Each structure stands twice: as structure tokens, then as C-alpha cells.
Amino acid sequence: MRTLLVAITALLISSSAGSQSAVTGRTLSGALGVKPKPARLLVTSRLATPSGRDVLYEYEQGSIDLVVSNDGDLTARNVLARIDVPREIPSLLVDSSRSVGNIAGGDSALLMIPLSIGQVDSRREVVLFVSVFDSAGYSVRQPLVVSLDLSASAPTISQGMAGPDKKLPGTTLMGRNWLFLIGIDDYKYWAPLQTPVRDAKAIRSVLIGKYGFDPKYLLELFDGEATREGVIKNLEYLAKAVRPEDNLLVYFAGHGKYDKVLNRGYWIPAEAEVGSAAHYLANSDLQAFIAAIQSRATLIVSDACFSGTLFRDTRPRAKTDRYFFEVSKLRARQALISGGNEPVLDSGLSSEHSVFAYYLIDRLNSNLDTYLAASTLFERIKVPIANGSQQTPQCKPIYNSGDEGGEFVFVRRK
């Protein structure tokens, strides 16, 4: 052992006498005998658009994709990314600040920051500045040129009596389409269901494929993920992330319950016990979250028993081009549900889907109208569902949620 210690000592002395490049030993902070390089941030940025070109068209949504790298040895801590937008273009909207977290030496992080543009006065180029910095004070800043074009990528509503080529000002249904899906087949304490997860995934496919919903704005909870805490955390996130020009569709398929004493309906999350409301999600709680989410239009689609307590009285509506123009300016908080305060079927015409989901998916797929209002969709499904089952679907504004008489509108891709 003494001989071995002498040999190791001699090796260390010999190494220290030579050049640093000959040292191969490592410590937790870098090469043995070499001072580790401090964190050094690098950033590359690009514009991602639906067209795949380096142009963001009027009333279009895209993203700024950032790769933030640490070229040093030490960890870059509490890294933040910031996008500075010129004040002279107020219709250009972007999340101005985003937390990246910690980036270890030699590692990278990818961020996709949503970006959208409203009305464009003329074709032009805009210079944005992308900055990243860490808690140690290191920062880097670079320009990003974004080209804007007048050509609208989103459909514009024409006024029927003005002719097909004349447009009403400000009638484009702009904003991001958010989708929050909840489907529960397997419950911890309640009887299992057959179709909710398949129903939710089929709804997802038709909305993304035919109505332009973007997977970047998709949230989903299936089976064991769909706890009360999980649902509430996602609703809290939506309350922070959804902007006033955006739209939100929340789809729930699972068990529901109605308390006659309290006159209160509930969604039943995956972990809820039978006979205890401790882990139920009350419709009144859902109403509070919907009121807090600052979307232009929110539609709750609920395929569960006893969902009728979401509603208040409705009003007649006429579907004209002028109608779409008017409702696009008003906040909408609607619910489309599979039945009132009654049980609903888990299966029916198809073993793949519930009766409600079967007709909902079918009518969305077969629709040929550019604009499909939620209340029009309801008119197309209510009779076949009522005739084929003992349940009566409903579509009305959500009680005490900030509804102003607007309408959730599905915009079909051409």
C-alpha cells in the first residue's frame, strides 16, 4: 500500500510539471487543474408559420422557435428568454417573456413561443429582438426579421346583402383555437365506461384535421391522469395562457352525478370515491374557471350524466352572415351537453362511440359550411340523438360565466 501511494504521488507531481492539455483527470466542475469555463449562452431563432414560408400573413398564427445553448462548463441558472416587439405594430402579439430554467454545461433547450398578427396596413418587415440571460448576469441579444403580408390566411365573413366580394370590416375570426380533452374509461371506484377515451380522441382528430385546431394548443387528460387536481391545474393554466382573441373548446366524457339536495351537478374525476364529493368537480367550480378564462368564445362539450346545471335560459338566434359578424364581437360562454339532469348512454349505435359522440363526430365530419355555429351543430344532432335514445341534448349559455350573447364558431378548412 505504501508503494502504491508513492507511485500515485509521483504521477501527480509529473502531471503538474507538464502542459495543462496533457491532464485527463476530471472533477465535478471540469478538468483536474483547469478552471471550468463559466456559463456562456448562445441562441438561434427562426420564424415558424403554417405556410412553411418566412412570412406571417394577416390574421395568422405562428411561433418563434428558439434553441438556447450553454457553451460553458458551469450550469446557467434561471435562464429567461425575452422577445421585444416594436410598439408601432400593436396587432403583433407574442409572449414577451418565457422562463427556460437551468441549462447544464454543453446542453440546449428548445422553446416555441406563440406569435400572431392581426390587421396589417401594408406589406413590411419587422425587426424583433430576442434576448436570453441568466441569473449570473450573462446575456445575449440578436435581431429576428419577421415579414408581414396583407394576404389573409383566415377566412373573412362576407355580408350577404353586400355581395360576395364585399367584406365587413374586422370580421375575421382570428385567435388561437385551444382544445382541452378529458376522457375517462377506467375509474378507481366507479364502474368502468366503454367509449370516453375513444370519443375524445376522435373529436381531437376531426377538429385538428378539418377545423384548423393546432396541436400546439392541445391539452388532454385520459383515465388516471384525469384527477380533480389534474383538471384544475389545466384550467388554471388556460386562465393564464388564453388571450382575449382566442377560442377554447373543453370536451369531457366520463361519469357525472347530480345532488338533489344541493341542486348541484358534478363531473367525476378518475380517483373520486363513490358517495363522497371530496374529489368531485362541481359545475359551479367549472363555471368560475370558465368566467376567469379570457377567451373570445368558450364551448364546453360534456358527454356525462346530469350536466344541465351549467345552463341559464337561452335566446333565439338567426344564422345569417350579419349574425356571424355580430357574434364575433361578443364574448361567448356556451355548453353543448349530451343530456339535461338525467343519465346518458355510454354506447348506442356504434360500439366505438356513445350516441352523443357518434352524431357529434358525424356532423362535424359531414359539415360543408365554412362557418358552423355551436347552436347550429346542436340543431343537427338533437333530433337523431333524442330519437335514438332516452336522452335530450341541450345547447345554451353557461350560467354566471360572463356570456354576452356571442357564439362559438367552427371555421372549416377549405
Protein backbone atom coordinates (compact mmCIF):
# COMPACT_ATOMS: atom_id res chain seq x y z
CA MET A 1 0.00 0.00 0.00
CA ARG A 2 2.86 2.41 0.84
CA THR A 3 4.46 1.66 -2.54
CA LEU A 4 1.17 2.42 -4.32
CA LEU A 5 0.79 5.80 -2.54
CA VAL A 6 4.32 6.80 -3.53
CA ALA A 7 3.57 5.88 -7.16
CA ILE A 8 0.38 7.98 -7.21
CA THR A 9 2.18 10.97 -5.67
CA ALA A 10 4.88 10.73 -8.27
CA LEU A 11 2.31 10.63 -11.07
CA LEU A 12 0.55 13.77 -9.81
CA ILE A 13 3.84 15.67 -9.49
CA SER A 14 4.82 14.61 -13.00
CA SER A 15 1.50 15.70 -14.46
CA SER A 16 1.60 19.13 -12.81
CA ALA A 17 5.00 19.75 -14.32
CA GLY A 18 3.75 19.21 -17.88
CA SER A 19 1.25 21.21 -20.01
CA GLN A 20 -2.41 21.51 -18.99
CA SER A 21 -3.53 19.82 -22.22
CA ALA A 22 -1.97 16.58 -21.02
CA VAL A 23 -4.23 16.43 -17.97
CA THR A 24 -7.05 13.90 -18.37
CA GLY A 25 -8.42 13.72 -14.84
CA ARG A 26 -11.88 15.24 -14.21
CA THR A 27 -13.67 16.81 -11.27
CA LEU A 28 -17.37 17.68 -10.88
CA SER A 29 -16.66 21.19 -12.19
CA GLY A 30 -14.25 20.43 -15.06
CA ALA A 31 -10.80 19.10 -15.90
CA LEU A 32 -8.47 18.50 -12.95
CA GLY A 33 -6.25 21.51 -12.62
CA VAL A 34 -8.17 23.54 -15.24
CA LYS A 35 -10.58 26.28 -14.22
CA PRO A 36 -14.06 25.46 -15.62
CA LYS A 37 -15.46 27.87 -18.20
CA PRO A 38 -18.37 29.93 -16.91
CA ALA A 39 -21.80 29.52 -18.45
CA ARG A 40 -21.97 31.10 -21.91
CA LEU A 41 -25.36 31.36 -23.59
CA LEU A 42 -25.96 31.10 -27.31
CA VAL A 43 -29.31 31.49 -29.08
CA THR A 44 -30.61 30.75 -32.55
CA SER A 45 -34.11 31.79 -33.61
CA ARG A 46 -36.41 31.25 -36.55
CA LEU A 47 -39.99 32.04 -37.53
CA ALA A 48 -42.31 29.04 -37.95
CA THR A 49 -45.57 29.64 -39.88
CA PRO A 50 -48.47 27.44 -41.10
CA SER A 51 -47.41 28.04 -44.73
CA GLY A 52 -43.82 26.98 -44.06
CA ARG A 53 -42.57 30.23 -45.60
CA ASP A 54 -40.74 33.02 -43.76
CA VAL A 55 -43.88 35.17 -43.89
CA LEU A 56 -46.61 35.72 -41.32
CA TYR A 57 -49.83 36.59 -43.13
CA GLU A 58 -52.57 38.85 -41.84
CA TYR A 59 -54.67 37.18 -39.10
CA GLU A 60 -52.31 34.22 -38.92
CA GLN A 61 -50.68 32.39 -36.02
CA GLY A 62 -47.14 31.06 -35.92
CA SER A 63 -44.30 30.73 -33.44
CA ILE A 64 -40.76 31.88 -32.75
CA ASP A 65 -38.66 28.75 -32.28
CA LEU A 66 -35.60 29.28 -30.08
CA VAL A 67 -32.65 27.00 -29.37
CA VAL A 68 -30.81 28.24 -26.28
CA SER A 69 -27.43 26.56 -25.70
CA ASN A 70 -24.84 26.73 -22.92
CA ASP A 71 -21.31 26.66 -24.38
CA GLY A 72 -19.64 26.78 -20.95
CA ASP A 73 -18.83 24.16 -18.30
CA LEU A 74 -20.90 25.56 -15.43
CA THR A 75 -24.70 25.47 -15.31
CA ALA A 76 -26.57 28.56 -16.50
CA ARG A 77 -29.22 29.14 -13.85
CA ASN A 78 -32.67 30.75 -14.07
CA VAL A 79 -32.37 31.41 -17.79
CA LEU A 80 -35.03 33.73 -19.25
CA ALA A 81 -35.92 34.45 -22.87
CA ARG A 82 -37.45 37.79 -23.86
CA ILE A 83 -38.96 39.00 -27.14
CA ASP A 84 -39.10 42.76 -27.74
CA VAL A 85 -41.79 43.83 -30.24
CA PRO A 86 -41.94 47.31 -31.84
CA ARG A 87 -44.68 49.42 -30.31
CA GLU A 88 -45.81 50.75 -33.68
CA ILE A 89 -47.38 47.36 -34.53
CA PRO A 90 -49.89 46.73 -31.70
CA SER A 91 -51.60 43.88 -33.61
CA LEU A 92 -48.41 41.77 -33.45
CA LEU A 93 -48.86 39.65 -30.33
CA VAL A 94 -46.21 37.47 -28.73
CA ASP A 95 -45.50 36.08 -25.27
CA SER A 96 -42.87 38.62 -24.30
CA SER A 97 -41.09 36.63 -21.58
CA ARG A 98 -40.56 32.90 -21.06
CA SER A 99 -38.66 31.02 -18.34
CA VAL A 100 -36.18 28.46 -19.67
CA GLY A 101 -34.92 27.19 -16.29
CA ASN A 102 -31.41 25.82 -15.76
CA ILE A 103 -29.18 24.68 -18.66
CA ALA A 104 -26.22 22.46 -17.79
CA GLY A 105 -22.86 22.96 -19.50
CA GLY A 106 -22.97 21.69 -23.08
CA ASP A 107 -26.77 21.30 -23.08
CA SER A 108 -29.50 23.08 -25.03
CA ALA A 109 -33.18 23.92 -24.56
CA LEU A 110 -35.88 24.33 -27.23
CA LEU A 111 -38.69 26.87 -26.86
CA MET A 112 -41.68 27.53 -29.12
CA ILE A 113 -43.14 30.96 -28.36
CA PRO A 114 -46.60 31.62 -29.92
CA LEU A 115 -46.85 34.61 -32.26
CA SER A 116 -49.90 36.07 -34.04
CA ILE A 117 -50.71 39.09 -36.15
CA GLY A 118 -53.97 40.97 -36.58
CA GLN A 119 -54.66 43.55 -39.26
CA VAL A 120 -51.69 44.55 -41.44
CA ASP A 121 -51.68 48.01 -43.06
CA SER A 122 -49.05 47.21 -45.69
CA ARG A 123 -46.54 44.56 -46.62
CA ARG A 124 -43.49 45.12 -44.46
CA GLU A 125 -40.65 43.65 -42.44
CA VAL A 126 -40.43 44.00 -38.67
CA VAL A 127 -37.31 43.55 -36.56
CA LEU A 128 -37.88 41.76 -33.24
CA PHE A 129 -35.11 41.42 -30.69
CA VAL A 130 -34.55 38.09 -28.96
CA SER A 131 -32.68 38.20 -25.64
CA VAL A 132 -31.65 35.45 -23.23
CA PHE A 133 -29.97 35.97 -19.89
CA ASP A 134 -29.20 34.07 -16.70
CA SER A 135 -29.06 34.93 -13.00
CA ALA A 136 -25.27 35.48 -13.16
CA GLY A 137 -25.80 38.43 -15.47
CA TYR A 138 -24.68 36.82 -18.74
CA SER A 139 -26.90 37.88 -21.66
CA VAL A 140 -27.03 37.71 -25.43
CA ARG A 141 -29.29 39.66 -27.80
CA GLN A 142 -29.95 39.19 -31.51
CA PRO A 143 -32.40 40.54 -34.09
CA LEU A 144 -35.06 38.43 -35.81
CA VAL A 145 -36.62 39.79 -39.02
CA VAL A 146 -40.31 38.90 -39.46
CA SER A 147 -42.01 39.57 -42.79
CA LEU A 148 -45.70 40.53 -42.66
CA ASP A 149 -48.06 40.22 -45.62
CA LEU A 150 -51.53 41.59 -46.31
CA SER A 151 -52.90 38.33 -47.70
CA ALA A 152 -55.25 36.94 -45.06
CA SER A 153 -54.84 33.24 -44.33
CA ALA A 154 -58.03 33.07 -42.24
CA PRO A 155 -61.48 33.27 -43.89
CA THR A 156 -63.35 36.56 -43.75
CA ILE A 157 -67.12 36.75 -43.32
CA SER A 158 -68.93 38.44 -46.18
CA GLN A 159 -72.13 40.39 -45.81
CA GLY A 160 -74.73 38.59 -47.88
CA MET A 161 -76.66 41.69 -48.94
CA ALA A 162 -73.44 43.46 -49.96
CA GLY A 163 -72.40 40.79 -52.47
CA PRO A 164 -69.77 38.05 -52.20
CA ASP A 165 -66.80 40.31 -52.95
CA LYS A 166 -67.54 42.98 -50.36
CA LYS A 167 -66.34 42.40 -46.81
CA LEU A 168 -67.43 43.71 -43.48
CA PRO A 169 -64.55 45.39 -41.61
CA GLY A 170 -63.00 43.48 -38.74
CA THR A 171 -64.95 40.26 -39.23
CA THR A 172 -62.13 37.72 -39.40
CA LEU A 173 -62.43 35.07 -36.68
CA MET A 174 -58.83 35.35 -35.51
CA GLY A 175 -57.03 34.00 -32.48
CA ARG A 176 -55.72 30.63 -31.41
CA ASN A 177 -58.04 27.63 -31.00
CA TRP A 178 -57.34 25.86 -27.71
CA LEU A 179 -58.59 22.32 -27.08
CA PHE A 180 -58.78 20.65 -23.66
CA LEU A 181 -59.84 16.98 -23.79
CA ILE A 182 -60.81 14.85 -20.78
CA GLY A 183 -61.79 11.21 -21.29
CA ILE A 184 -62.14 8.59 -18.55
CA ASP A 185 -62.83 4.89 -19.18
CA ASP A 186 -61.09 3.42 -16.13
CA TYR A 187 -62.20 4.68 -12.73
CA LYS A 188 -60.68 3.73 -9.40
CA TYR A 189 -64.02 3.31 -7.61
CA TRP A 190 -66.77 3.86 -10.21
CA ALA A 191 -67.90 1.37 -12.85
CA PRO A 192 -65.70 1.43 -15.98
CA LEU A 193 -67.00 3.02 -19.17
CA GLN A 194 -66.51 1.83 -22.74
CA THR A 195 -66.13 4.84 -25.03
CA PRO A 196 -64.98 8.16 -23.44
CA VAL A 197 -61.29 7.95 -24.39
CA ARG A 198 -62.07 6.88 -27.97
CA ASP A 199 -64.70 9.62 -28.20
CA ALA A 200 -62.25 12.31 -27.05
CA LYS A 201 -59.51 11.16 -29.43
CA ALA A 202 -61.96 11.08 -32.37
CA ILE A 203 -63.09 14.63 -31.54
CA ARG A 204 -59.42 15.65 -31.46
CA SER A 205 -58.81 14.18 -34.91
CA VAL A 206 -61.72 15.93 -36.62
CA LEU A 207 -61.02 19.32 -35.00
CA ILE A 208 -57.33 19.26 -35.93
CA GLY A 209 -57.88 17.75 -39.37
CA LYS A 210 -60.90 19.71 -40.57
CA TYR A 211 -61.22 22.85 -38.42
CA GLY A 212 -57.64 24.02 -38.05
CA PHE A 213 -57.12 23.40 -34.33
CA ASP A 214 -53.36 23.49 -33.67
CA PRO A 215 -51.78 20.61 -31.67
CA LYS A 216 -49.55 23.25 -30.01
CA TYR A 217 -52.62 24.43 -28.09
CA LEU A 218 -53.87 20.97 -27.13
CA LEU A 219 -54.23 19.77 -23.53
CA GLU A 220 -55.52 16.28 -22.76
CA LEU A 221 -56.07 14.05 -19.74
CA PHE A 222 -57.06 10.41 -20.14
CA ASP A 223 -58.01 7.83 -17.49
CA GLY A 224 -55.70 8.02 -14.44
CA GLU A 225 -54.33 11.42 -15.49
CA ALA A 226 -57.80 12.95 -15.25
CA THR A 227 -57.82 13.59 -11.50
CA ARG A 228 -59.56 16.57 -9.93
CA GLU A 229 -56.16 18.16 -9.34
CA GLY A 230 -55.10 17.50 -12.93
CA VAL A 231 -58.24 19.08 -14.38
CA ILE A 232 -57.99 22.14 -12.14
CA LYS A 233 -54.28 22.68 -12.89
CA ASN A 234 -55.01 22.64 -16.62
CA LEU A 235 -57.89 25.10 -16.16
CA GLU A 236 -55.56 27.34 -14.14
CA TYR A 237 -53.03 27.19 -16.96
CA LEU A 238 -55.69 28.12 -19.52
CA ALA A 239 -56.75 31.08 -17.37
CA LYS A 240 -53.18 32.40 -17.72
CA ALA A 241 -52.40 31.40 -21.32
CA VAL A 242 -55.62 32.05 -23.28
CA ARG A 243 -55.81 35.53 -24.79
CA PRO A 244 -58.95 37.64 -25.38
CA GLU A 245 -58.98 36.91 -29.13
CA ASP A 246 -58.61 33.13 -28.64
CA ASN A 247 -61.24 30.37 -28.60
CA LEU A 248 -61.42 27.41 -26.23
CA LEU A 249 -63.25 24.09 -26.51
CA VAL A 250 -63.34 21.84 -23.44
CA TYR A 251 -64.56 18.27 -24.02
CA PHE A 252 -65.41 15.98 -21.10
CA ALA A 253 -66.54 12.35 -21.38
CA GLY A 254 -66.99 10.33 -18.21
CA HIS A 255 -69.25 9.84 -15.22
CA GLY A 256 -71.46 12.63 -13.90
CA LYS A 257 -73.57 12.99 -10.75
CA TYR A 258 -76.39 15.20 -9.53
CA ASP A 259 -77.04 16.10 -5.87
CA LYS A 260 -80.77 16.80 -5.44
CA VAL A 261 -80.32 18.38 -2.00
CA LEU A 262 -77.72 20.90 -3.16
CA ASN A 263 -79.12 21.15 -6.71
CA ARG A 264 -75.59 20.72 -7.96
CA GLY A 265 -74.12 18.66 -10.79
CA TYR A 266 -70.61 17.22 -10.85
CA TRP A 267 -68.02 15.80 -13.21
CA ILE A 268 -66.49 12.67 -11.65
CA PRO A 269 -62.66 12.56 -11.93
CA ALA A 270 -60.77 9.27 -12.16
CA GLU A 271 -59.85 8.99 -8.45
CA ALA A 272 -63.19 10.09 -6.93
CA GLU A 273 -64.85 7.81 -4.38
CA VAL A 274 -68.47 6.75 -4.61
CA GLY A 275 -70.62 8.65 -2.09
CA SER A 276 -68.09 11.40 -1.29
CA ALA A 277 -67.89 14.72 -3.13
CA ALA A 278 -64.36 15.42 -1.84
CA HIS A 279 -62.82 14.75 -5.27
CA TYR A 280 -65.78 15.67 -7.50
CA LEU A 281 -65.59 18.72 -9.77
CA ALA A 282 -68.74 20.76 -9.26
CA ASN A 283 -70.36 22.53 -12.19
CA SER A 284 -70.28 25.72 -10.11
CA ASP A 285 -66.45 25.40 -9.87
CA LEU A 286 -66.28 24.85 -13.60
CA GLN A 287 -68.38 27.98 -14.15
CA ALA A 288 -65.91 30.01 -12.09
CA PHE A 289 -62.96 28.83 -14.18
CA ILE A 290 -64.80 29.48 -17.45
CA ALA A 291 -65.58 33.00 -16.27
CA ALA A 292 -61.88 33.56 -15.47
CA ILE A 293 -60.57 32.39 -18.86
CA GLN A 294 -60.37 35.49 -21.05
CA SER A 295 -61.26 33.89 -24.40
CA ARG A 296 -63.48 35.36 -27.07
CA ALA A 297 -65.54 32.17 -27.12
CA THR A 298 -65.55 29.12 -24.86
CA LEU A 299 -67.58 25.98 -25.57
CA ILE A 300 -67.98 23.18 -23.03
CA VAL A 301 -68.95 19.87 -24.65
CA SER A 302 -69.99 17.47 -21.89
CA ASP A 303 -70.91 13.83 -22.52
CA ALA A 304 -71.78 12.99 -18.93
CA CYS A 305 -74.88 12.47 -16.83
CA PHE A 306 -76.53 15.44 -15.07
CA SER A 307 -74.72 18.30 -16.86
CA GLY A 308 -77.82 20.51 -17.08
CA THR A 309 -76.95 22.67 -14.06
CA LEU A 310 -74.39 24.51 -16.19
CA PHE A 311 -77.11 26.41 -18.00
CA ARG A 312 -79.14 29.54 -17.85
CA ASP A 313 -82.05 30.40 -20.16
CA THR A 314 -81.22 30.75 -23.84
CA ARG A 315 -82.46 33.11 -26.56
CA PRO A 316 -83.45 32.67 -30.22
CA ARG A 317 -80.74 33.30 -32.81
CA ALA A 318 -80.90 33.70 -36.60
CA LYS A 319 -77.94 32.37 -38.64
CA THR A 320 -77.05 34.96 -41.29
CA ASP A 321 -73.74 36.44 -42.43
CA ARG A 322 -74.60 39.52 -40.38
CA TYR A 323 -75.18 37.21 -37.42
CA PHE A 324 -71.61 35.85 -37.61
CA PHE A 325 -70.28 39.40 -37.84
CA GLU A 326 -72.19 40.43 -34.73
CA VAL A 327 -71.38 37.40 -32.58
CA SER A 328 -67.66 37.60 -33.45
CA LYS A 329 -67.57 40.85 -31.44
CA LEU A 330 -69.23 39.36 -28.33
CA ARG A 331 -67.94 37.01 -25.65
CA ALA A 332 -69.49 33.54 -25.74
CA ARG A 333 -69.68 31.03 -22.89
CA GLN A 334 -71.71 28.03 -24.10
CA ALA A 335 -72.21 24.40 -23.19
CA LEU A 336 -73.27 21.61 -25.52
CA ILE A 337 -74.22 18.61 -23.43
CA SER A 338 -75.45 15.10 -24.10
CA GLY A 339 -78.47 15.38 -21.77
CA GLY A 340 -80.06 17.51 -19.07
CA ASN A 341 -80.30 16.42 -15.44
CA GLU A 342 -80.62 12.80 -16.48
CA PRO A 343 -78.45 9.71 -17.12
CA VAL A 344 -76.92 9.36 -20.60
CA LEU A 345 -75.81 6.30 -22.57
CA ASP A 346 -72.19 5.15 -22.75
CA SER A 347 -72.80 3.36 -26.07
CA GLY A 348 -75.50 3.05 -28.69
CA LEU A 349 -75.47 2.98 -32.50
CA SER A 350 -71.78 2.18 -32.52
CA SER A 351 -69.76 0.19 -30.02
CA GLU A 352 -66.91 2.61 -30.72
CA HIS A 353 -68.69 5.77 -29.50
CA SER A 354 -71.52 6.97 -27.29
CA VAL A 355 -74.75 8.05 -29.02
CA PHE A 356 -73.90 11.70 -28.40
CA ALA A 357 -70.29 11.44 -29.62
CA TYR A 358 -71.32 9.39 -32.67
CA TYR A 359 -73.59 12.11 -34.04
CA LEU A 360 -71.28 14.94 -32.93
CA ILE A 361 -68.33 13.44 -34.83
CA ASP A 362 -70.53 12.57 -37.84
CA ARG A 363 -72.00 16.08 -38.18
CA LEU A 364 -68.59 17.74 -37.77
CA ASN A 365 -67.15 15.47 -40.46
CA SER A 366 -70.03 15.92 -42.92
CA ASN A 367 -70.37 19.69 -42.49
CA LEU A 368 -69.78 21.69 -45.68
CA ASP A 369 -70.39 25.18 -44.27
CA THR A 370 -67.37 27.46 -43.83
CA TYR A 371 -68.79 28.69 -40.52
CA LEU A 372 -70.58 26.31 -38.19
CA ALA A 373 -72.04 27.85 -35.03
CA ALA A 374 -72.27 25.67 -31.92
CA SER A 375 -76.02 26.21 -31.83
CA THR A 376 -76.32 25.09 -35.46
CA LEU A 377 -74.30 21.96 -34.69
CA PHE A 378 -76.72 21.31 -31.82
CA GLU A 379 -79.73 21.59 -34.18
CA ARG A 380 -78.17 18.94 -36.40
CA ILE A 381 -77.61 16.40 -33.62
CA LYS A 382 -80.53 16.89 -31.23
CA VAL A 383 -83.25 15.05 -33.20
CA PRO A 384 -81.29 11.88 -34.08
CA ILE A 385 -79.95 11.64 -30.53
CA ALA A 386 -83.40 12.09 -28.97
CA ASN A 387 -84.94 9.60 -31.40
CA GLY A 388 -82.22 7.00 -30.82
CA SER A 389 -82.04 7.20 -27.04
CA GLN A 390 -83.80 8.36 -23.87
CA GLN A 391 -81.62 11.46 -23.56
CA THR A 392 -82.21 15.01 -24.79
CA PRO A 393 -79.11 17.07 -25.65
CA GLN A 394 -79.03 20.79 -24.91
CA CYS A 395 -77.05 23.83 -26.03
CA LYS A 396 -77.32 27.05 -24.02
CA PRO A 397 -75.16 29.79 -22.47
CA ILE A 398 -73.33 28.83 -19.28
CA TYR A 399 -74.83 30.32 -16.16
CA ASN A 400 -72.89 33.11 -14.39
CA SER A 401 -69.80 32.90 -16.62
CA GLY A 402 -69.67 36.22 -18.48
CA ASP A 403 -71.58 35.25 -21.63
CA GLU A 404 -72.50 38.33 -23.71
CA GLY A 405 -74.60 36.66 -26.40
CA GLY A 406 -71.72 35.58 -28.63
CA GLU A 407 -71.27 32.21 -30.28
CA PHE A 408 -68.52 29.60 -30.58
CA VAL A 409 -67.90 29.18 -34.32
CA PHE A 410 -66.09 26.27 -36.00
CA VAL A 411 -64.25 27.51 -39.12
CA ARG A 412 -63.87 24.74 -41.71
CA ARG A 413 -60.64 24.43 -43.67
CA LYS A 414 -61.15 24.72 -47.45
